[in-house]
Amino acid sequence: MNTLTQYQQQQARCRELFAKKTQDYGTAWRILRLSSLTDQLFIKAKRIRSIEEKGEQKISDSIENEYIGLVNYSLIALIQLQLDADTNLELGLEKTLNLYDAAAQRTQQLMLDKNHDYGEAWREMRISSLTDLILMKLLRVKQIEDLKGQTQVSEGVDANYQDIINYAIFALIRLQN
């Protein structure tokens, strides 16, 4: 089990979908405020948890696609955090993918660092626990947003978005095995 290879395969799946959607829609997501992106992430994570608890689903969109959405919307949030408010809404495909790749690379490095320290504990976790951790991170982000970023000891929203990405990719790896 080579975590980096598996991680990069799942990240590539997410990027491929993101690139295709960017070709179809451009960067219409640039209009979204961070709080709207957080709410979109929350909806996706709540749907996953609801399906896990009920054991069935009525809409055909797969749980895997929801995890991919969690990765891509979290990367969009990281991009939005780094862009100035007056940056053009339409960024162009090449620039958008460069921003996506840079944020994904930083997040992958965080995963490698944490994986070293935690000894790949995620491999022994239930997928439902990964979902719960994602929801907890989203509740934290919502609280930080409500506090307008004025926290006393907490890491910023960017670290939480990165954790969401990593947990979602771990879930995708686990679902593939």
C-alpha atoms as a PDB file:
ATOM      1  CA  MET A   1       0.000   0.000   0.000  1.00  0.00           C
ATOM      2  CA  ASN A   2       1.751   3.114  -1.226  1.00  0.00           C
ATOM      3  CA  THR A   3      -0.218   6.003   0.217  1.00  0.00           C
ATOM      4  CA  LEU A   4       1.355   8.664  -1.980  1.00  0.00           C
ATOM      5  CA  THR A   5       0.533   6.757  -5.174  1.00  0.00           C
ATOM      6  CA  GLN A   6      -3.038   6.056  -4.052  1.00  0.00           C
ATOM      7  CA  TYR A   7      -3.454   9.661  -2.934  1.00  0.00           C
ATOM      8  CA  GLN A   8      -2.187  11.010  -6.250  1.00  0.00           C
ATOM      9  CA  GLN A   9      -4.492   8.691  -8.209  1.00  0.00           C
ATOM     10  CA  GLN A  10      -7.536   9.957  -6.325  1.00  0.00           C
ATOM     11  CA  GLN A  11      -6.366  13.568  -6.576  1.00  0.00           C
ATOM     12  CA  ALA A  12      -5.983  13.072 -10.346  1.00  0.00           C
ATOM     13  CA  ARG A  13      -9.615  11.861 -10.545  1.00  0.00           C
ATOM     14  CA  CYS A  14     -10.721  14.995  -8.728  1.00  0.00           C
ATOM     15  CA  ARG A  15      -8.600  17.265 -10.932  1.00  0.00           C
ATOM     16  CA  GLU A  16      -9.882  15.664 -14.122  1.00  0.00           C
ATOM     17  CA  LEU A  17     -13.488  16.384 -13.153  1.00  0.00           C
ATOM     18  CA  PHE A  18     -12.570  19.902 -12.012  1.00  0.00           C
ATOM     19  CA  ALA A  19     -10.847  20.619 -15.350  1.00  0.00           C
ATOM     20  CA  LYS A  20     -13.833  19.370 -17.347  1.00  0.00           C
ATOM     21  CA  LYS A  21     -16.271  21.421 -15.284  1.00  0.00           C
ATOM     22  CA  THR A  22     -14.023  24.470 -15.646  1.00  0.00           C
ATOM     23  CA  GLN A  23     -14.099  23.995 -19.424  1.00  0.00           C
ATOM     24  CA  ASP A  24     -17.906  23.744 -19.316  1.00  0.00           C
ATOM     25  CA  TYR A  25     -18.686  26.480 -16.780  1.00  0.00           C
ATOM     26  CA  GLY A  26     -15.571  28.621 -16.534  1.00  0.00           C
ATOM     27  CA  THR A  27     -14.927  29.928 -13.051  1.00  0.00           C
ATOM     28  CA  ALA A  28     -18.525  30.814 -12.204  1.00  0.00           C
ATOM     29  CA  TRP A  29     -17.718  29.581  -8.670  1.00  0.00           C
ATOM     30  CA  ARG A  30     -15.658  32.775  -8.191  1.00  0.00           C
ATOM     31  CA  ILE A  31     -18.930  34.567  -7.359  1.00  0.00           C
ATOM     32  CA  LEU A  32     -19.334  32.445  -4.209  1.00  0.00           C
ATOM     33  CA  ARG A  33     -18.335  33.827  -0.852  1.00  0.00           C
ATOM     34  CA  LEU A  34     -16.394  31.519   1.456  1.00  0.00           C
ATOM     35  CA  SER A  35     -19.469  31.048   3.625  1.00  0.00           C
ATOM     36  CA  SER A  36     -21.395  29.798   0.573  1.00  0.00           C
ATOM     37  CA  LEU A  37     -18.598  27.365  -0.272  1.00  0.00           C
ATOM     38  CA  THR A  38     -18.606  26.145   3.327  1.00  0.00           C
ATOM     39  CA  ASP A  39     -22.362  25.607   3.154  1.00  0.00           C
ATOM     40  CA  GLN A  40     -21.988  23.695  -0.139  1.00  0.00           C
ATOM     41  CA  LEU A  41     -19.388  21.461   1.507  1.00  0.00           C
ATOM     42  CA  PHE A  42     -21.668  20.992   4.510  1.00  0.00           C
ATOM     43  CA  ILE A  43     -24.549  19.874   2.264  1.00  0.00           C
ATOM     44  CA  LYS A  44     -22.342  17.273   0.561  1.00  0.00           C
ATOM     45  CA  ALA A  45     -20.986  15.907   3.842  1.00  0.00           C
ATOM     46  CA  LYS A  46     -24.469  15.789   5.404  1.00  0.00           C
ATOM     47  CA  ARG A  47     -25.735  13.824   2.376  1.00  0.00           C
ATOM     48  CA  ILE A  48     -22.936  11.284   2.793  1.00  0.00           C
ATOM     49  CA  ARG A  49     -23.718  10.912   6.489  1.00  0.00           C
ATOM     50  CA  SER A  50     -27.439  10.590   5.803  1.00  0.00           C
ATOM     51  CA  ILE A  51     -26.823   7.781   3.306  1.00  0.00           C
ATOM     52  CA  GLU A  52     -24.424   6.073   5.734  1.00  0.00           C
ATOM     53  CA  GLU A  53     -27.047   6.191   8.491  1.00  0.00           C
ATOM     54  CA  LYS A  54     -30.051   5.191   6.361  1.00  0.00           C
ATOM     55  CA  GLY A  55     -28.200   2.570   4.356  1.00  0.00           C
ATOM     56  CA  GLU A  56     -29.925   3.675   1.154  1.00  0.00           C
ATOM     57  CA  GLN A  57     -30.125   6.574  -1.222  1.00  0.00           C
ATOM     58  CA  LYS A  58     -32.815   7.836  -3.587  1.00  0.00           C
ATOM     59  CA  ILE A  59     -30.668  10.049  -5.826  1.00  0.00           C
ATOM     60  CA  SER A  60     -28.212   8.238  -8.071  1.00  0.00           C
ATOM     61  CA  ASP A  61     -25.200  10.528  -7.454  1.00  0.00           C
ATOM     62  CA  SER A  62     -22.659   8.272  -5.791  1.00  0.00           C
ATOM     63  CA  ILE A  63     -20.999   8.821  -2.444  1.00  0.00           C
ATOM     64  CA  GLU A  64     -17.667   8.765  -4.298  1.00  0.00           C
ATOM     65  CA  ASN A  65     -18.821  11.758  -6.345  1.00  0.00           C
ATOM     66  CA  GLU A  66     -19.731  13.571  -3.141  1.00  0.00           C
ATOM     67  CA  TYR A  67     -16.230  12.987  -1.749  1.00  0.00           C
ATOM     68  CA  ILE A  68     -14.781  14.259  -5.047  1.00  0.00           C
ATOM     69  CA  GLY A  69     -16.999  17.310  -4.630  1.00  0.00           C
ATOM     70  CA  LEU A  70     -15.650  17.808  -1.118  1.00  0.00           C
ATOM     71  CA  VAL A  71     -12.105  17.779  -2.492  1.00  0.00           C
ATOM     72  CA  ASN A  72     -12.846  20.163  -5.346  1.00  0.00           C
ATOM     73  CA  TYR A  73     -14.975  22.641  -3.401  1.00  0.00           C
ATOM     74  CA  SER A  74     -12.353  22.724  -0.633  1.00  0.00           C
ATOM     75  CA  LEU A  75      -9.658  23.453  -3.213  1.00  0.00           C
ATOM     76  CA  ILE A  76     -11.886  26.179  -4.653  1.00  0.00           C
ATOM     77  CA  ALA A  77     -12.141  27.651  -1.135  1.00  0.00           C
ATOM     78  CA  LEU A  78      -8.349  27.604  -0.807  1.00  0.00           C
ATOM     79  CA  ILE A  79      -8.068  29.377  -4.168  1.00  0.00           C
ATOM     80  CA  GLN A  80     -10.653  31.963  -3.137  1.00  0.00           C
ATOM     81  CA  LEU A  81      -8.712  32.613   0.079  1.00  0.00           C
ATOM     82  CA  GLN A  82      -5.599  33.494  -1.869  1.00  0.00           C
ATOM     83  CA  LEU A  83      -7.217  35.721  -4.513  1.00  0.00           C
ATOM     84  CA  ASP A  84      -7.981  39.389  -3.957  1.00  0.00           C
ATOM     85  CA  ALA A  85     -11.628  40.399  -4.004  1.00  0.00           C
ATOM     86  CA  ASP A  86     -11.027  42.512  -7.117  1.00  0.00           C
ATOM     87  CA  THR A  87      -9.534  39.623  -9.124  1.00  0.00           C
ATOM     88  CA  ASN A  88     -11.536  38.954 -12.290  1.00  0.00           C
ATOM     89  CA  LEU A  89     -14.277  36.364 -11.921  1.00  0.00           C
ATOM     90  CA  GLU A  90     -13.126  34.557 -15.067  1.00  0.00           C
ATOM     91  CA  LEU A  91      -9.580  33.293 -14.602  1.00  0.00           C
ATOM     92  CA  GLY A  92      -8.977  31.167 -17.677  1.00  0.00           C
ATOM     93  CA  LEU A  93      -8.366  27.436 -17.675  1.00  0.00           C
ATOM     94  CA  GLU A  94      -4.561  27.472 -17.423  1.00  0.00           C
ATOM     95  CA  LYS A  95      -4.430  29.957 -14.541  1.00  0.00           C
ATOM     96  CA  THR A  96      -7.248  28.145 -12.743  1.00  0.00           C
ATOM     97  CA  LEU A  97      -5.528  24.767 -13.021  1.00  0.00           C
ATOM     98  CA  ASN A  98      -2.230  26.278 -11.870  1.00  0.00           C
ATOM     99  CA  LEU A  99      -3.953  27.663  -8.757  1.00  0.00           C
ATOM    100  CA  TYR A 100      -5.714  24.325  -8.213  1.00  0.00           C
ATOM    101  CA  ASP A 101      -2.455  22.385  -8.568  1.00  0.00           C
ATOM    102  CA  ALA A 102      -0.580  24.671  -6.168  1.00  0.00           C
ATOM    103  CA  ALA A 103      -3.261  24.317  -3.484  1.00  0.00           C
ATOM    104  CA  ALA A 104      -3.446  20.558  -4.061  1.00  0.00           C
ATOM    105  CA  GLN A 105       0.337  20.252  -3.766  1.00  0.00           C
ATOM    106  CA  ARG A 106       0.401  22.154  -0.442  1.00  0.00           C
ATOM    107  CA  THR A 107      -2.385  19.923   0.833  1.00  0.00           C
ATOM    108  CA  GLN A 108      -0.598  16.759  -0.303  1.00  0.00           C
ATOM    109  CA  GLN A 109       2.534  17.853   1.574  1.00  0.00           C
ATOM    110  CA  LEU A 110       0.450  18.406   4.707  1.00  0.00           C
ATOM    111  CA  MET A 111      -0.929  14.875   4.305  1.00  0.00           C
ATOM    112  CA  LEU A 112       2.588  13.441   4.013  1.00  0.00           C
ATOM    113  CA  ASP A 113       3.733  15.312   7.117  1.00  0.00           C
ATOM    114  CA  LYS A 114       0.705  14.268   9.178  1.00  0.00           C
ATOM    115  CA  ASN A 115       0.812  10.716   7.848  1.00  0.00           C
ATOM    116  CA  HIS A 116       4.402  10.472   9.038  1.00  0.00           C
ATOM    117  CA  ASP A 117       3.463  11.576  12.544  1.00  0.00           C
ATOM    118  CA  TYR A 118       0.181   9.638  12.827  1.00  0.00           C
ATOM    119  CA  GLY A 119       1.439   6.438  11.211  1.00  0.00           C
ATOM    120  CA  GLU A 120      -1.403   6.113   8.690  1.00  0.00           C
ATOM    121  CA  ALA A 121      -4.022   5.717  11.409  1.00  0.00           C
ATOM    122  CA  TRP A 122      -6.688   6.630   8.820  1.00  0.00           C
ATOM    123  CA  ARG A 123      -6.319   3.166   7.253  1.00  0.00           C
ATOM    124  CA  GLU A 124      -7.817   1.624  10.403  1.00  0.00           C
ATOM    125  CA  MET A 125     -10.660   4.124  10.697  1.00  0.00           C
ATOM    126  CA  ARG A 126     -14.199   3.582   9.517  1.00  0.00           C
ATOM    127  CA  ILE A 127     -15.221   5.624   6.480  1.00  0.00           C
ATOM    128  CA  SER A 128     -18.110   6.951   8.565  1.00  0.00           C
ATOM    129  CA  SER A 129     -15.560   8.383  11.010  1.00  0.00           C
ATOM    130  CA  LEU A 130     -13.870  10.209   8.146  1.00  0.00           C
ATOM    131  CA  THR A 131     -17.271  11.677   7.264  1.00  0.00           C
ATOM    132  CA  ASP A 132     -17.791  12.765  10.874  1.00  0.00           C
ATOM    133  CA  LEU A 133     -14.359  14.399  10.981  1.00  0.00           C
ATOM    134  CA  ILE A 134     -15.198  16.298   7.790  1.00  0.00           C
ATOM    135  CA  LEU A 135     -18.441  17.511   9.338  1.00  0.00           C
ATOM    136  CA  MET A 136     -16.604  18.569  12.504  1.00  0.00           C
ATOM    137  CA  LYS A 137     -14.082  20.542  10.421  1.00  0.00           C
ATOM    138  CA  LEU A 138     -16.959  22.228   8.589  1.00  0.00           C
ATOM    139  CA  LEU A 139     -18.623  23.204  11.866  1.00  0.00           C
ATOM    140  CA  ARG A 140     -15.310  24.685  12.954  1.00  0.00           C
ATOM    141  CA  VAL A 141     -15.027  26.644   9.707  1.00  0.00           C
ATOM    142  CA  LYS A 142     -18.576  27.936  10.110  1.00  0.00           C
ATOM    143  CA  GLN A 143     -17.745  29.091  13.654  1.00  0.00           C
ATOM    144  CA  ILE A 144     -14.547  30.816  12.494  1.00  0.00           C
ATOM    145  CA  GLU A 145     -16.502  32.503   9.701  1.00  0.00           C
ATOM    146  CA  ASP A 146     -19.159  33.631  12.186  1.00  0.00           C
ATOM    147  CA  LEU A 147     -16.347  35.066  14.337  1.00  0.00           C
ATOM    148  CA  LYS A 148     -15.039  36.849  11.207  1.00  0.00           C
ATOM    149  CA  GLY A 149     -11.734  35.016  11.601  1.00  0.00           C
ATOM    150  CA  GLN A 150     -11.082  36.441  15.064  1.00  0.00           C
ATOM    151  CA  THR A 151      -9.994  33.307  16.913  1.00  0.00           C
ATOM    152  CA  GLN A 152      -7.778  33.043  19.959  1.00  0.00           C
ATOM    153  CA  VAL A 153      -5.861  29.810  19.429  1.00  0.00           C
ATOM    154  CA  SER A 154      -7.416  28.037  16.465  1.00  0.00           C
ATOM    155  CA  GLU A 155      -5.776  27.348  13.156  1.00  0.00           C
ATOM    156  CA  GLY A 156      -7.349  29.215  10.268  1.00  0.00           C
ATOM    157  CA  VAL A 157      -9.984  28.054   7.851  1.00  0.00           C
ATOM    158  CA  ASP A 158      -7.334  27.077   5.310  1.00  0.00           C
ATOM    159  CA  ALA A 159      -5.987  24.312   7.555  1.00  0.00           C
ATOM    160  CA  ASN A 160      -9.525  22.988   8.034  1.00  0.00           C
ATOM    161  CA  TYR A 161     -10.167  22.974   4.275  1.00  0.00           C
ATOM    162  CA  GLN A 162      -6.910  21.065   3.805  1.00  0.00           C
ATOM    163  CA  ASP A 163      -7.945  18.501   6.409  1.00  0.00           C
ATOM    164  CA  ILE A 164     -11.299  18.090   4.646  1.00  0.00           C
ATOM    165  CA  ILE A 165      -9.489  17.419   1.370  1.00  0.00           C
ATOM    166  CA  ASN A 166      -7.225  14.846   2.966  1.00  0.00           C
ATOM    167  CA  TYR A 167     -10.047  13.047   4.791  1.00  0.00           C
ATOM    168  CA  ALA A 168     -12.110  12.971   1.584  1.00  0.00           C
ATOM    169  CA  ILE A 169      -9.201  11.529  -0.400  1.00  0.00           C
ATOM    170  CA  PHE A 170      -8.629   8.935   2.328  1.00  0.00           C
ATOM    171  CA  ALA A 171     -12.313   7.992   2.019  1.00  0.00           C
ATOM    172  CA  LEU A 172     -11.948   7.685  -1.771  1.00  0.00           C
ATOM    173  CA  ILE A 173      -8.925   5.414  -1.302  1.00  0.00           C
ATOM    174  CA  ARG A 174     -10.829   3.299   1.208  1.00  0.00           C
ATOM    175  CA  LEU A 175     -13.884   3.059  -1.071  1.00  0.00           C
ATOM    176  CA  GLN A 176     -11.696   1.833  -3.939  1.00  0.00           C
ATOM    177  CA  ASN A 177     -10.258  -1.009  -1.826  1.00  0.00           C
END
